[in-house]
Amino acid sequence: MKIDTFLDYLCDQDRSERTIAGYAHDLNAFAEWFKQIHRRAPRPASVTPLDIREYRKHLTDTKKMKPASVNRLLAALRAYFSWARETGLIATSPTNGIRSIAQGPRAPHWLDREETYALLRAAREAIQLAEAKGLVPSANLARRDAAIVAIMINAGLRVSEVCALNVDDVKPSARSGQVTVRQGKGRKFRIIPLNRDARKALQEWRKVRPPDAGELLFIGRRGEPLRPRGVQRAIKQLASAAKLDTEQVTPHALRHTFGKNLVDANVSLDRVAILMGHANLNTTAIYTTPSDADLAAAVESIAWEDM
């Protein structure tokens, strides 16, 4: 199925290691099922819509997978065959017209207060440990990572927006501040106020940021432009230090945390949409969807027994 070529394409698109690994797992699972059924390896042009439907039935009826898992596998196939069509390997995608499994709304993953505390604490501890050892470059890098975490949790920036920030786009001060996103998703422009936590972390980073580092606010260890994968790696390291699930604590989870915290603070959805850079309120409404923890807390609240 030329899966490796497709994965190389994803690498060129700067997709995350986790995303690429997920596609590899899901596509190889389909290829293995196809081989067992047809006694031959699949070629892109040999896969039919009937195969996709039968695979969906196999996942739901035989494997007893949850709808979300089945839909993830189908999404991987859609992405692969869309790429195959664009590269001329097939004329029409066999996934056309194949429906996902209906499921209730699911909340995106965000960090609860304990997880947020653990991540922020890990960022601060990294600074202090490096300072105690006299490792100035490491301490400065830790301040950069703390500033990135702070601006994502407290301003909801996407990882691409963080990497594109120039020094002049961020104006922190003791009592107020703002960050300007000049080219967000869909090339949308927005300005987000900075709260005291974000302002403090950004000021600490700007004090130690090399003055000759160019226009970009966040740079790599050697002064090179910081890429999304570098941000993902930094957050994964902090999540590991905080004893959190490194597969769940991602840049996008920090952005979701910002949206969820705003909704929990009773900020109106129209304001949340502006701060998040959403064009549609339906997108913003995902933060009103209760998480599993929210539902568990709701049920626990009506219990008669003491904890």
C-alpha atoms as a PDB file:
ATOM      1  CA  MET A   1       0.000   0.000   0.000  1.00  0.00           C
ATOM      2  CA  LYS A   2       3.054   2.277  -0.032  1.00  0.00           C
ATOM      3  CA  ILE A   3       2.421   3.102   3.624  1.00  0.00           C
ATOM      4  CA  ASP A   4       6.036   4.155   4.204  1.00  0.00           C
ATOM      5  CA  THR A   5       5.814   6.686   1.363  1.00  0.00           C
ATOM      6  CA  PHE A   6       2.673   8.141   2.914  1.00  0.00           C
ATOM      7  CA  LEU A   7       4.384   8.372   6.311  1.00  0.00           C
ATOM      8  CA  ASP A   8       7.307  10.189   4.685  1.00  0.00           C
ATOM      9  CA  TYR A   9       4.774  12.655   3.280  1.00  0.00           C
ATOM     10  CA  LEU A  10       3.387  13.241   6.787  1.00  0.00           C
ATOM     11  CA  CYS A  11       6.918  13.908   8.057  1.00  0.00           C
ATOM     12  CA  ASP A  12       7.397  16.491   5.315  1.00  0.00           C
ATOM     13  CA  GLN A  13       4.141  18.106   6.486  1.00  0.00           C
ATOM     14  CA  ASP A  14       5.675  18.413   9.985  1.00  0.00           C
ATOM     15  CA  ARG A  15       3.020  16.207  11.560  1.00  0.00           C
ATOM     16  CA  SER A  16       3.714  15.114  15.110  1.00  0.00           C
ATOM     17  CA  GLU A  17       5.491  11.855  15.925  1.00  0.00           C
ATOM     18  CA  ARG A  18       2.385  10.669  17.729  1.00  0.00           C
ATOM     19  CA  THR A  19       0.174  11.348  14.682  1.00  0.00           C
ATOM     20  CA  ILE A  20       2.552   9.559  12.326  1.00  0.00           C
ATOM     21  CA  ALA A  21       2.843   6.564  14.655  1.00  0.00           C
ATOM     22  CA  GLY A  22      -0.956   6.414  14.913  1.00  0.00           C
ATOM     23  CA  TYR A  23      -1.393   6.411  11.138  1.00  0.00           C
ATOM     24  CA  ALA A  24       1.281   3.727  10.783  1.00  0.00           C
ATOM     25  CA  HIS A  25      -0.456   1.494  13.339  1.00  0.00           C
ATOM     26  CA  ASP A  26      -3.937   1.956  11.861  1.00  0.00           C
ATOM     27  CA  LEU A  27      -2.923   1.496   8.215  1.00  0.00           C
ATOM     28  CA  ASN A  28      -0.839  -1.586   8.965  1.00  0.00           C
ATOM     29  CA  ALA A  29      -3.802  -3.046  10.885  1.00  0.00           C
ATOM     30  CA  PHE A  30      -5.994  -2.630   7.807  1.00  0.00           C
ATOM     31  CA  ALA A  31      -3.320  -4.077   5.526  1.00  0.00           C
ATOM     32  CA  GLU A  32      -2.979  -7.123   7.792  1.00  0.00           C
ATOM     33  CA  TRP A  33      -6.779  -7.656   7.817  1.00  0.00           C
ATOM     34  CA  PHE A  34      -6.916  -7.336   4.012  1.00  0.00           C
ATOM     35  CA  LYS A  35      -4.106  -9.882   3.634  1.00  0.00           C
ATOM     36  CA  GLN A  36      -5.877 -12.374   5.890  1.00  0.00           C
ATOM     37  CA  ILE A  37      -9.125 -12.023   3.947  1.00  0.00           C
ATOM     38  CA  HIS A  38      -7.771 -11.969   0.390  1.00  0.00           C
ATOM     39  CA  ARG A  39      -4.469 -13.883   0.804  1.00  0.00           C
ATOM     40  CA  ARG A  40      -2.536 -11.037  -0.792  1.00  0.00           C
ATOM     41  CA  ALA A  41      -1.234  -7.653   0.239  1.00  0.00           C
ATOM     42  CA  PRO A  42      -3.446  -4.713  -0.707  1.00  0.00           C
ATOM     43  CA  ARG A  43      -2.534  -2.286  -3.454  1.00  0.00           C
ATOM     44  CA  PRO A  44      -4.141   1.167  -3.380  1.00  0.00           C
ATOM     45  CA  ALA A  45      -6.105   0.528  -6.596  1.00  0.00           C
ATOM     46  CA  SER A  46      -7.281  -2.913  -5.430  1.00  0.00           C
ATOM     47  CA  VAL A  47      -9.120  -1.694  -2.318  1.00  0.00           C
ATOM     48  CA  THR A  48     -12.858  -1.225  -2.924  1.00  0.00           C
ATOM     49  CA  PRO A  49     -15.629   0.483  -0.938  1.00  0.00           C
ATOM     50  CA  LEU A  50     -16.910  -3.017  -0.125  1.00  0.00           C
ATOM     51  CA  ASP A  51     -13.600  -3.738   1.603  1.00  0.00           C
ATOM     52  CA  ILE A  52     -13.875  -0.573   3.702  1.00  0.00           C
ATOM     53  CA  ARG A  53     -17.443  -1.407   4.734  1.00  0.00           C
ATOM     54  CA  GLU A  54     -16.502  -4.991   5.586  1.00  0.00           C
ATOM     55  CA  TYR A  55     -13.530  -3.759   7.628  1.00  0.00           C
ATOM     56  CA  ARG A  56     -15.811  -1.374   9.509  1.00  0.00           C
ATOM     57  CA  LYS A  57     -18.129  -4.298  10.299  1.00  0.00           C
ATOM     58  CA  HIS A  58     -15.126  -6.373  11.409  1.00  0.00           C
ATOM     59  CA  LEU A  59     -14.043  -3.634  13.800  1.00  0.00           C
ATOM     60  CA  THR A  60     -17.499  -3.129  15.314  1.00  0.00           C
ATOM     61  CA  ASP A  61     -18.841  -6.697  15.393  1.00  0.00           C
ATOM     62  CA  THR A  62     -15.747  -8.911  15.707  1.00  0.00           C
ATOM     63  CA  LYS A  63     -13.257  -6.652  17.471  1.00  0.00           C
ATOM     64  CA  LYS A  64     -16.005  -4.947  19.539  1.00  0.00           C
ATOM     65  CA  MET A  65     -14.280  -1.589  19.203  1.00  0.00           C
ATOM     66  CA  LYS A  66     -15.824   1.584  20.522  1.00  0.00           C
ATOM     67  CA  PRO A  67     -17.177   4.054  17.939  1.00  0.00           C
ATOM     68  CA  ALA A  68     -14.355   6.518  18.592  1.00  0.00           C
ATOM     69  CA  SER A  69     -11.722   3.850  17.860  1.00  0.00           C
ATOM     70  CA  VAL A  70     -13.486   2.690  14.688  1.00  0.00           C
ATOM     71  CA  ASN A  71     -13.827   6.277  13.474  1.00  0.00           C
ATOM     72  CA  ARG A  72     -10.134   6.894  14.119  1.00  0.00           C
ATOM     73  CA  LEU A  73      -9.204   3.927  11.931  1.00  0.00           C
ATOM     74  CA  LEU A  74     -11.586   5.086   9.212  1.00  0.00           C
ATOM     75  CA  ALA A  75     -10.086   8.582   9.391  1.00  0.00           C
ATOM     76  CA  ALA A  76      -6.622   7.106   8.825  1.00  0.00           C
ATOM     77  CA  LEU A  77      -7.883   5.287   5.742  1.00  0.00           C
ATOM     78  CA  ARG A  78      -9.540   8.450   4.431  1.00  0.00           C
ATOM     79  CA  ALA A  79      -6.322  10.402   4.853  1.00  0.00           C
ATOM     80  CA  TYR A  80      -4.262   7.699   3.161  1.00  0.00           C
ATOM     81  CA  PHE A  81      -6.549   7.261   0.152  1.00  0.00           C
ATOM     82  CA  SER A  82      -6.930  11.021  -0.226  1.00  0.00           C
ATOM     83  CA  TRP A  83      -3.136  11.200  -0.504  1.00  0.00           C
ATOM     84  CA  ALA A  84      -3.145   8.237  -2.916  1.00  0.00           C
ATOM     85  CA  ARG A  85      -5.661  10.012  -5.163  1.00  0.00           C
ATOM     86  CA  GLU A  86      -3.695  13.271  -5.119  1.00  0.00           C
ATOM     87  CA  THR A  87      -0.500  11.419  -6.064  1.00  0.00           C
ATOM     88  CA  GLY A  88      -2.160   9.534  -8.917  1.00  0.00           C
ATOM     89  CA  LEU A  89      -2.099   6.057  -7.364  1.00  0.00           C
ATOM     90  CA  ILE A  90      -5.907   5.792  -7.605  1.00  0.00           C
ATOM     91  CA  ALA A  91      -8.648   7.616  -9.487  1.00  0.00           C
ATOM     92  CA  THR A  92     -11.286   7.553  -6.747  1.00  0.00           C
ATOM     93  CA  SER A  93     -11.011   6.999  -3.012  1.00  0.00           C
ATOM     94  CA  PRO A  94     -12.747   3.810  -1.800  1.00  0.00           C
ATOM     95  CA  THR A  95     -13.653   5.671   1.390  1.00  0.00           C
ATOM     96  CA  ASN A  96     -16.031   8.001  -0.458  1.00  0.00           C
ATOM     97  CA  GLY A  97     -19.510   7.615   0.983  1.00  0.00           C
ATOM     98  CA  ILE A  98     -18.329   5.465   3.897  1.00  0.00           C
ATOM     99  CA  ARG A  99     -19.973   6.773   7.045  1.00  0.00           C
ATOM    100  CA  SER A 100     -18.395   6.970  10.454  1.00  0.00           C
ATOM    101  CA  ILE A 101     -20.066   5.278  13.415  1.00  0.00           C
ATOM    102  CA  ALA A 102     -22.557   7.578  15.109  1.00  0.00           C
ATOM    103  CA  GLN A 103     -21.565   8.524  18.636  1.00  0.00           C
ATOM    104  CA  GLY A 104     -22.459  11.075  21.238  1.00  0.00           C
ATOM    105  CA  PRO A 105     -20.399  14.246  21.577  1.00  0.00           C
ATOM    106  CA  ARG A 106     -17.029  13.722  23.205  1.00  0.00           C
ATOM    107  CA  ALA A 107     -15.128  16.394  25.022  1.00  0.00           C
ATOM    108  CA  PRO A 108     -11.568  17.056  23.821  1.00  0.00           C
ATOM    109  CA  HIS A 109      -8.798  16.298  26.278  1.00  0.00           C
ATOM    110  CA  TRP A 110      -7.848  19.133  28.558  1.00  0.00           C
ATOM    111  CA  LEU A 111      -5.884  19.315  31.787  1.00  0.00           C
ATOM    112  CA  ASP A 112      -7.749  19.493  35.073  1.00  0.00           C
ATOM    113  CA  ARG A 113      -6.489  21.718  37.876  1.00  0.00           C
ATOM    114  CA  GLU A 114      -4.252  19.038  39.425  1.00  0.00           C
ATOM    115  CA  GLU A 115      -2.661  18.212  36.069  1.00  0.00           C
ATOM    116  CA  THR A 116      -2.156  21.886  35.282  1.00  0.00           C
ATOM    117  CA  TYR A 117      -0.529  22.420  38.665  1.00  0.00           C
ATOM    118  CA  ALA A 118       1.769  19.440  38.099  1.00  0.00           C
ATOM    119  CA  LEU A 119       2.870  20.697  34.676  1.00  0.00           C
ATOM    120  CA  LEU A 120       3.455  24.282  35.814  1.00  0.00           C
ATOM    121  CA  ARG A 121       5.341  23.039  38.852  1.00  0.00           C
ATOM    122  CA  ALA A 122       7.568  20.844  36.671  1.00  0.00           C
ATOM    123  CA  ALA A 123       8.367  23.868  34.497  1.00  0.00           C
ATOM    124  CA  ARG A 124       9.329  25.951  37.543  1.00  0.00           C
ATOM    125  CA  GLU A 125      11.313  23.122  39.130  1.00  0.00           C
ATOM    126  CA  ALA A 126      13.339  22.689  35.918  1.00  0.00           C
ATOM    127  CA  ILE A 127      14.425  26.331  36.188  1.00  0.00           C
ATOM    128  CA  GLN A 128      15.381  26.046  39.855  1.00  0.00           C
ATOM    129  CA  LEU A 129      17.298  22.782  39.441  1.00  0.00           C
ATOM    130  CA  ALA A 130      19.329  24.198  36.554  1.00  0.00           C
ATOM    131  CA  GLU A 131      20.078  27.358  38.540  1.00  0.00           C
ATOM    132  CA  ALA A 132      21.151  25.325  41.587  1.00  0.00           C
ATOM    133  CA  LYS A 133      23.663  23.467  39.424  1.00  0.00           C
ATOM    134  CA  GLY A 134      24.931  26.650  37.813  1.00  0.00           C
ATOM    135  CA  LEU A 135      23.748  25.517  34.367  1.00  0.00           C
ATOM    136  CA  VAL A 136      22.868  28.903  32.892  1.00  0.00           C
ATOM    137  CA  PRO A 137      22.007  27.723  29.328  1.00  0.00           C
ATOM    138  CA  SER A 138      19.750  24.992  30.719  1.00  0.00           C
ATOM    139  CA  ALA A 139      18.063  27.450  33.085  1.00  0.00           C
ATOM    140  CA  ASN A 140      17.422  29.848  30.208  1.00  0.00           C
ATOM    141  CA  LEU A 141      15.987  27.039  28.081  1.00  0.00           C
ATOM    142  CA  ALA A 142      13.755  26.048  30.979  1.00  0.00           C
ATOM    143  CA  ARG A 143      12.490  29.645  31.176  1.00  0.00           C
ATOM    144  CA  ARG A 144      11.661  29.469  27.483  1.00  0.00           C
ATOM    145  CA  ASP A 145       9.681  26.258  28.014  1.00  0.00           C
ATOM    146  CA  ALA A 146       7.869  27.742  31.014  1.00  0.00           C
ATOM    147  CA  ALA A 147       6.905  30.764  28.907  1.00  0.00           C
ATOM    148  CA  ILE A 148       5.590  28.517  26.123  1.00  0.00           C
ATOM    149  CA  VAL A 149       3.471  26.507  28.548  1.00  0.00           C
ATOM    150  CA  ALA A 150       2.179  29.696  30.166  1.00  0.00           C
ATOM    151  CA  ILE A 151       1.155  31.331  26.898  1.00  0.00           C
ATOM    152  CA  MET A 152      -0.606  28.193  25.658  1.00  0.00           C
ATOM    153  CA  ILE A 153      -2.516  27.551  28.878  1.00  0.00           C
ATOM    154  CA  ASN A 154      -3.356  31.217  29.476  1.00  0.00           C
ATOM    155  CA  ALA A 155      -3.830  32.499  25.920  1.00  0.00           C
ATOM    156  CA  GLY A 156      -4.807  29.371  23.991  1.00  0.00           C
ATOM    157  CA  LEU A 157      -2.335  29.702  21.139  1.00  0.00           C
ATOM    158  CA  ARG A 158      -1.896  26.876  18.652  1.00  0.00           C
ATOM    159  CA  VAL A 159       1.583  25.394  18.416  1.00  0.00           C
ATOM    160  CA  SER A 160       2.102  26.908  14.954  1.00  0.00           C
ATOM    161  CA  GLU A 161       1.083  30.314  16.306  1.00  0.00           C
ATOM    162  CA  VAL A 162       3.567  30.029  19.161  1.00  0.00           C
ATOM    163  CA  CYS A 163       6.402  29.242  16.760  1.00  0.00           C
ATOM    164  CA  ALA A 164       5.464  32.162  14.471  1.00  0.00           C
ATOM    165  CA  LEU A 165       5.464  34.813  17.226  1.00  0.00           C
ATOM    166  CA  ASN A 166       7.871  37.697  16.817  1.00  0.00           C
ATOM    167  CA  VAL A 167       9.283  39.600  19.777  1.00  0.00           C
ATOM    168  CA  ASP A 168       7.148  42.622  18.897  1.00  0.00           C
ATOM    169  CA  ASP A 169       3.967  40.507  18.902  1.00  0.00           C
ATOM    170  CA  VAL A 170       4.115  40.140  22.687  1.00  0.00           C
ATOM    171  CA  LYS A 171       3.758  43.151  24.961  1.00  0.00           C
ATOM    172  CA  PRO A 172       3.883  42.095  28.614  1.00  0.00           C
ATOM    173  CA  SER A 173       4.033  44.608  31.433  1.00  0.00           C
ATOM    174  CA  ALA A 174       3.512  44.558  35.179  1.00  0.00           C
ATOM    175  CA  ARG A 175      -0.225  45.290  35.040  1.00  0.00           C
ATOM    176  CA  SER A 176      -1.383  44.456  31.511  1.00  0.00           C
ATOM    177  CA  GLY A 177      -0.266  42.918  28.277  1.00  0.00           C
ATOM    178  CA  GLN A 178      -1.345  41.293  25.060  1.00  0.00           C
ATOM    179  CA  VAL A 179      -0.184  38.903  22.377  1.00  0.00           C
ATOM    180  CA  THR A 180      -0.927  39.468  18.700  1.00  0.00           C
ATOM    181  CA  VAL A 181      -1.495  36.452  16.466  1.00  0.00           C
ATOM    182  CA  ARG A 182      -0.995  37.778  12.958  1.00  0.00           C
ATOM    183  CA  GLN A 183      -1.673  34.627  10.985  1.00  0.00           C
ATOM    184  CA  GLY A 184      -3.760  32.134  12.891  1.00  0.00           C
ATOM    185  CA  LYS A 185      -5.701  29.264  11.369  1.00  0.00           C
ATOM    186  CA  GLY A 186      -7.304  30.491   8.165  1.00  0.00           C
ATOM    187  CA  ARG A 187      -4.877  33.430   8.249  1.00  0.00           C
ATOM    188  CA  LYS A 188      -7.036  35.090  10.917  1.00  0.00           C
ATOM    189  CA  PHE A 189      -5.672  37.995  12.976  1.00  0.00           C
ATOM    190  CA  ARG A 190      -6.514  38.254  16.678  1.00  0.00           C
ATOM    191  CA  ILE A 191      -5.266  39.910  19.858  1.00  0.00           C
ATOM    192  CA  ILE A 192      -5.423  38.077  23.193  1.00  0.00           C
ATOM    193  CA  PRO A 193      -4.948  39.809  26.543  1.00  0.00           C
ATOM    194  CA  LEU A 194      -2.285  38.264  28.766  1.00  0.00           C
ATOM    195  CA  ASN A 195      -3.039  37.497  32.398  1.00  0.00           C
ATOM    196  CA  ARG A 196      -0.467  37.901  35.170  1.00  0.00           C
ATOM    197  CA  ASP A 197       0.800  34.318  34.926  1.00  0.00           C
ATOM    198  CA  ALA A 198       1.555  34.604  31.215  1.00  0.00           C
ATOM    199  CA  ARG A 199       3.068  38.085  31.617  1.00  0.00           C
ATOM    200  CA  LYS A 200       5.443  36.970  34.355  1.00  0.00           C
ATOM    201  CA  ALA A 201       6.651  33.884  32.468  1.00  0.00           C
ATOM    202  CA  LEU A 202       7.179  35.851  29.257  1.00  0.00           C
ATOM    203  CA  GLN A 203       9.062  38.621  31.032  1.00  0.00           C
ATOM    204  CA  GLU A 204      11.400  36.053  32.608  1.00  0.00           C
ATOM    205  CA  TRP A 205      12.142  34.547  29.203  1.00  0.00           C
ATOM    206  CA  ARG A 206      12.684  37.891  27.499  1.00  0.00           C
ATOM    207  CA  LYS A 207      15.231  38.881  30.152  1.00  0.00           C
ATOM    208  CA  VAL A 208      17.474  35.938  29.212  1.00  0.00           C
ATOM    209  CA  ARG A 209      16.646  35.614  25.518  1.00  0.00           C
ATOM    210  CA  PRO A 210      19.756  36.363  23.419  1.00  0.00           C
ATOM    211  CA  PRO A 211      19.402  39.944  22.098  1.00  0.00           C
ATOM    212  CA  ASP A 212      20.863  38.960  18.726  1.00  0.00           C
ATOM    213  CA  ALA A 213      18.497  36.018  18.193  1.00  0.00           C
ATOM    214  CA  GLY A 214      16.500  37.680  15.420  1.00  0.00           C
ATOM    215  CA  GLU A 215      12.812  38.516  15.257  1.00  0.00           C
ATOM    216  CA  LEU A 216      11.286  35.254  16.470  1.00  0.00           C
ATOM    217  CA  LEU A 217      10.321  35.233  20.141  1.00  0.00           C
ATOM    218  CA  PHE A 218      11.030  31.542  20.734  1.00  0.00           C
ATOM    219  CA  ILE A 219      14.236  29.990  19.459  1.00  0.00           C
ATOM    220  CA  GLY A 220      15.971  26.627  19.729  1.00  0.00           C
ATOM    221  CA  ARG A 221      18.968  25.676  21.812  1.00  0.00           C
ATOM    222  CA  ARG A 222      21.389  26.889  19.131  1.00  0.00           C
ATOM    223  CA  GLY A 223      19.447  30.012  18.217  1.00  0.00           C
ATOM    224  CA  GLU A 224      17.597  28.419  15.308  1.00  0.00           C
ATOM    225  CA  PRO A 225      13.835  28.986  14.751  1.00  0.00           C
ATOM    226  CA  LEU A 226      11.764  26.843  17.075  1.00  0.00           C
ATOM    227  CA  ARG A 227       9.586  24.368  15.170  1.00  0.00           C
ATOM    228  CA  PRO A 228       6.299  22.749  16.279  1.00  0.00           C
ATOM    229  CA  ARG A 229       8.097  19.468  16.896  1.00  0.00           C
ATOM    230  CA  GLY A 230      10.467  21.240  19.269  1.00  0.00           C
ATOM    231  CA  VAL A 231       7.518  22.589  21.250  1.00  0.00           C
ATOM    232  CA  GLN A 232       5.929  19.140  21.330  1.00  0.00           C
ATOM    233  CA  ARG A 233       9.167  17.632  22.585  1.00  0.00           C
ATOM    234  CA  ALA A 234       9.558  20.245  25.321  1.00  0.00           C
ATOM    235  CA  ILE A 235       6.003  19.745  26.584  1.00  0.00           C
ATOM    236  CA  LYS A 236       6.404  15.976  26.500  1.00  0.00           C
ATOM    237  CA  GLN A 237       9.547  16.235  28.638  1.00  0.00           C
ATOM    238  CA  LEU A 238       7.774  18.455  31.169  1.00  0.00           C
ATOM    239  CA  ALA A 239       4.784  16.090  31.249  1.00  0.00           C
ATOM    240  CA  SER A 240       7.138  13.187  31.925  1.00  0.00           C
ATOM    241  CA  ALA A 241       8.826  15.108  34.735  1.00  0.00           C
ATOM    242  CA  ALA A 242       5.374  15.860  36.179  1.00  0.00           C
ATOM    243  CA  LYS A 243       4.444  12.141  36.050  1.00  0.00           C
ATOM    244  CA  LEU A 244       1.608  12.893  33.606  1.00  0.00           C
ATOM    245  CA  ASP A 245       0.497  10.902  30.581  1.00  0.00           C
ATOM    246  CA  THR A 246       2.820  12.146  27.835  1.00  0.00           C
ATOM    247  CA  GLU A 247       0.383  10.940  25.164  1.00  0.00           C
ATOM    248  CA  GLN A 248      -2.365  13.141  26.599  1.00  0.00           C
ATOM    249  CA  VAL A 249      -0.407  16.268  27.531  1.00  0.00           C
ATOM    250  CA  THR A 250       0.144  17.874  24.132  1.00  0.00           C
ATOM    251  CA  PRO A 251       0.265  21.460  22.841  1.00  0.00           C
ATOM    252  CA  HIS A 252      -3.329  21.110  21.679  1.00  0.00           C
ATOM    253  CA  ALA A 253      -4.394  19.826  25.106  1.00  0.00           C
ATOM    254  CA  LEU A 254      -2.978  23.033  26.609  1.00  0.00           C
ATOM    255  CA  ARG A 255      -5.021  25.077  24.139  1.00  0.00           C
ATOM    256  CA  HIS A 256      -8.119  23.049  25.059  1.00  0.00           C
ATOM    257  CA  THR A 257      -7.357  23.733  28.719  1.00  0.00           C
ATOM    258  CA  PHE A 258      -7.542  27.472  28.023  1.00  0.00           C
ATOM    259  CA  GLY A 259     -10.952  27.100  26.369  1.00  0.00           C
ATOM    260  CA  LYS A 260     -12.330  24.837  29.095  1.00  0.00           C
ATOM    261  CA  ASN A 261     -11.120  27.136  31.884  1.00  0.00           C
ATOM    262  CA  LEU A 262     -12.824  30.114  30.240  1.00  0.00           C
ATOM    263  CA  VAL A 263     -16.131  28.249  29.946  1.00  0.00           C
ATOM    264  CA  ASP A 264     -15.864  27.020  33.541  1.00  0.00           C
ATOM    265  CA  ALA A 265     -15.305  30.656  34.592  1.00  0.00           C
ATOM    266  CA  ASN A 266     -18.668  31.503  32.959  1.00  0.00           C
ATOM    267  CA  VAL A 267     -17.135  33.501  30.120  1.00  0.00           C
ATOM    268  CA  SER A 268     -19.712  33.731  27.310  1.00  0.00           C
ATOM    269  CA  LEU A 269     -19.153  31.555  24.243  1.00  0.00           C
ATOM    270  CA  ASP A 270     -18.916  34.539  21.902  1.00  0.00           C
ATOM    271  CA  ARG A 271     -15.979  35.881  23.915  1.00  0.00           C
ATOM    272  CA  VAL A 272     -14.359  32.460  24.129  1.00  0.00           C
ATOM    273  CA  ALA A 273     -14.687  32.124  20.346  1.00  0.00           C
ATOM    274  CA  ILE A 274     -12.893  35.435  19.796  1.00  0.00           C
ATOM    275  CA  LEU A 275     -10.090  34.522  22.178  1.00  0.00           C
ATOM    276  CA  MET A 276      -9.687  31.069  20.641  1.00  0.00           C
ATOM    277  CA  GLY A 277      -9.845  32.337  17.064  1.00  0.00           C
ATOM    278  CA  HIS A 278     -12.910  30.244  16.160  1.00  0.00           C
ATOM    279  CA  ALA A 279     -14.983  31.246  13.153  1.00  0.00           C
ATOM    280  CA  ASN A 280     -17.979  29.218  14.296  1.00  0.00           C
ATOM    281  CA  LEU A 281     -19.589  29.077  17.746  1.00  0.00           C
ATOM    282  CA  ASN A 282     -20.293  25.377  17.200  1.00  0.00           C
ATOM    283  CA  THR A 283     -16.550  24.805  17.410  1.00  0.00           C
ATOM    284  CA  THR A 284     -16.370  26.717  20.676  1.00  0.00           C
ATOM    285  CA  ALA A 285     -19.315  24.765  22.081  1.00  0.00           C
ATOM    286  CA  ILE A 286     -17.123  21.666  22.476  1.00  0.00           C
ATOM    287  CA  TYR A 287     -15.918  23.187  25.741  1.00  0.00           C
ATOM    288  CA  THR A 288     -19.434  22.919  27.146  1.00  0.00           C
ATOM    289  CA  THR A 289     -19.359  19.159  26.549  1.00  0.00           C
ATOM    290  CA  PRO A 290     -18.733  17.489  29.905  1.00  0.00           C
ATOM    291  CA  SER A 291     -15.659  15.310  30.259  1.00  0.00           C
ATOM    292  CA  ASP A 292     -15.733  11.911  31.966  1.00  0.00           C
ATOM    293  CA  ALA A 293     -14.478  13.625  35.132  1.00  0.00           C
ATOM    294  CA  ASP A 294     -17.282  16.201  34.909  1.00  0.00           C
ATOM    295  CA  LEU A 295     -19.889  13.452  34.599  1.00  0.00           C
ATOM    296  CA  ALA A 296     -18.373  11.469  37.472  1.00  0.00           C
ATOM    297  CA  ALA A 297     -18.399  14.560  39.677  1.00  0.00           C
ATOM    298  CA  ALA A 298     -22.024  15.255  38.769  1.00  0.00           C
ATOM    299  CA  VAL A 299     -23.125  11.743  39.756  1.00  0.00           C
ATOM    300  CA  GLU A 300     -20.992  11.793  42.927  1.00  0.00           C
ATOM    301  CA  SER A 301     -22.563  15.084  43.999  1.00  0.00           C
ATOM    302  CA  ILE A 302     -25.923  13.399  44.673  1.00  0.00           C
ATOM    303  CA  ALA A 303     -24.508  10.564  46.798  1.00  0.00           C
ATOM    304  CA  TRP A 304     -25.631  10.265  50.450  1.00  0.00           C
ATOM    305  CA  GLU A 305     -22.586   8.413  51.762  1.00  0.00           C
ATOM    306  CA  ASP A 306     -19.656  10.388  53.123  1.00  0.00           C
ATOM    307  CA  MET A 307     -16.363  10.225  51.251  1.00  0.00           C
END
